[in-house]
């Protein structure tokens, strides 16, 4: 965040890109998906735990 732009990660495991989600499941499901956010540190820790790469921190 060196540029001062805050961001979050959309929690969409197993889902496709936004257009495919919209086409297959509709606008309401896409909106619900976009509202499920997690912080980048939480995402990173979850990812590393799942891949077994916790030693790389």
C-alpha atoms as a PDB file:
ATOM      1  CA  UNK A   1       0.000   0.000   0.000  1.00  0.00           C
ATOM      2  CA  UNK A   2       2.860   2.353  -0.699  1.00  0.00           C
ATOM      3  CA  UNK A   3       0.557   4.382  -2.954  1.00  0.00           C
ATOM      4  CA  UNK A   4      -1.989   4.728  -0.160  1.00  0.00           C
ATOM      5  CA  UNK A   5      -4.653   2.781  -2.013  1.00  0.00           C
ATOM      6  CA  UNK A   6      -6.515   0.436   0.347  1.00  0.00           C
ATOM      7  CA  UNK A   7      -7.718  -2.893  -1.000  1.00  0.00           C
ATOM      8  CA  UNK A   8      -9.284  -6.149   0.107  1.00  0.00           C
ATOM      9  CA  UNK A   9      -9.411  -9.609  -1.410  1.00  0.00           C
ATOM     10  CA  UNK A  10     -12.709 -11.074  -2.572  1.00  0.00           C
ATOM     11  CA  UNK A  11     -13.179 -14.515  -1.063  1.00  0.00           C
ATOM     12  CA  UNK A  12     -14.291 -16.526  -4.095  1.00  0.00           C
ATOM     13  CA  UNK A  13     -12.590 -19.892  -3.782  1.00  0.00           C
ATOM     14  CA  UNK A  14     -13.473 -22.267  -6.545  1.00  0.00           C
ATOM     15  CA  UNK A  15     -15.250 -19.588  -8.526  1.00  0.00           C
ATOM     16  CA  UNK A  16     -14.339 -18.159 -11.893  1.00  0.00           C
ATOM     17  CA  UNK A  17     -13.806 -14.597 -13.058  1.00  0.00           C
ATOM     18  CA  UNK A  18     -16.589 -12.043 -12.460  1.00  0.00           C
ATOM     19  CA  UNK A  19     -18.058 -12.273 -15.966  1.00  0.00           C
ATOM     20  CA  UNK A  20     -18.373 -16.053 -15.762  1.00  0.00           C
ATOM     21  CA  UNK A  21     -19.943 -15.806 -12.306  1.00  0.00           C
ATOM     22  CA  UNK A  22     -22.437 -13.264 -13.666  1.00  0.00           C
ATOM     23  CA  UNK A  23     -23.272 -15.355 -16.730  1.00  0.00           C
ATOM     24  CA  UNK A  24     -23.678 -18.621 -14.796  1.00  0.00           C
ATOM     25  CA  UNK A  25     -25.199 -17.476 -11.495  1.00  0.00           C
ATOM     26  CA  UNK A  26     -26.567 -13.976 -12.053  1.00  0.00           C
ATOM     27  CA  UNK A  27     -26.053 -10.476 -10.737  1.00  0.00           C
ATOM     28  CA  UNK A  28     -27.291 -11.127  -7.205  1.00  0.00           C
ATOM     29  CA  UNK A  29     -24.848 -13.994  -6.644  1.00  0.00           C
ATOM     30  CA  UNK A  30     -22.005 -11.901  -8.057  1.00  0.00           C
ATOM     31  CA  UNK A  31     -22.867  -9.029  -5.697  1.00  0.00           C
ATOM     32  CA  UNK A  32     -22.936 -11.409  -2.720  1.00  0.00           C
ATOM     33  CA  UNK A  33     -19.557 -12.795  -3.777  1.00  0.00           C
ATOM     34  CA  UNK A  34     -18.007  -9.328  -4.071  1.00  0.00           C
ATOM     35  CA  UNK A  35     -19.237  -8.472  -0.577  1.00  0.00           C
ATOM     36  CA  UNK A  36     -17.329 -11.432   0.942  1.00  0.00           C
ATOM     37  CA  UNK A  37     -13.967  -9.776   1.452  1.00  0.00           C
ATOM     38  CA  UNK A  38     -10.948 -10.598   3.566  1.00  0.00           C
ATOM     39  CA  UNK A  39      -7.821  -8.590   4.292  1.00  0.00           C
ATOM     40  CA  UNK A  40      -4.670  -9.300   2.323  1.00  0.00           C
ATOM     41  CA  UNK A  41      -2.783 -10.620   5.398  1.00  0.00           C
ATOM     42  CA  UNK A  42      -5.647 -13.053   6.087  1.00  0.00           C
ATOM     43  CA  UNK A  43      -5.643 -14.130   2.443  1.00  0.00           C
ATOM     44  CA  UNK A  44      -1.886 -14.630   2.485  1.00  0.00           C
ATOM     45  CA  UNK A  45      -1.912 -16.704   5.667  1.00  0.00           C
ATOM     46  CA  UNK A  46      -4.801 -18.843   4.374  1.00  0.00           C
ATOM     47  CA  UNK A  47      -3.023 -19.382   1.060  1.00  0.00           C
ATOM     48  CA  UNK A  48       0.264 -20.312   2.677  1.00  0.00           C
ATOM     49  CA  UNK A  49      -1.470 -22.674   5.111  1.00  0.00           C
ATOM     50  CA  UNK A  50      -3.281 -24.400   2.241  1.00  0.00           C
ATOM     51  CA  UNK A  51      -0.187 -24.778   0.108  1.00  0.00           C
ATOM     52  CA  UNK A  52       2.006 -25.849   2.995  1.00  0.00           C
ATOM     53  CA  UNK A  53       4.452 -22.993   2.446  1.00  0.00           C
ATOM     54  CA  UNK A  54       4.288 -21.445   5.890  1.00  0.00           C
ATOM     55  CA  UNK A  55       8.085 -21.578   6.120  1.00  0.00           C
ATOM     56  CA  UNK A  56       8.336 -18.969   3.355  1.00  0.00           C
ATOM     57  CA  UNK A  57       6.975 -16.125   5.478  1.00  0.00           C
END
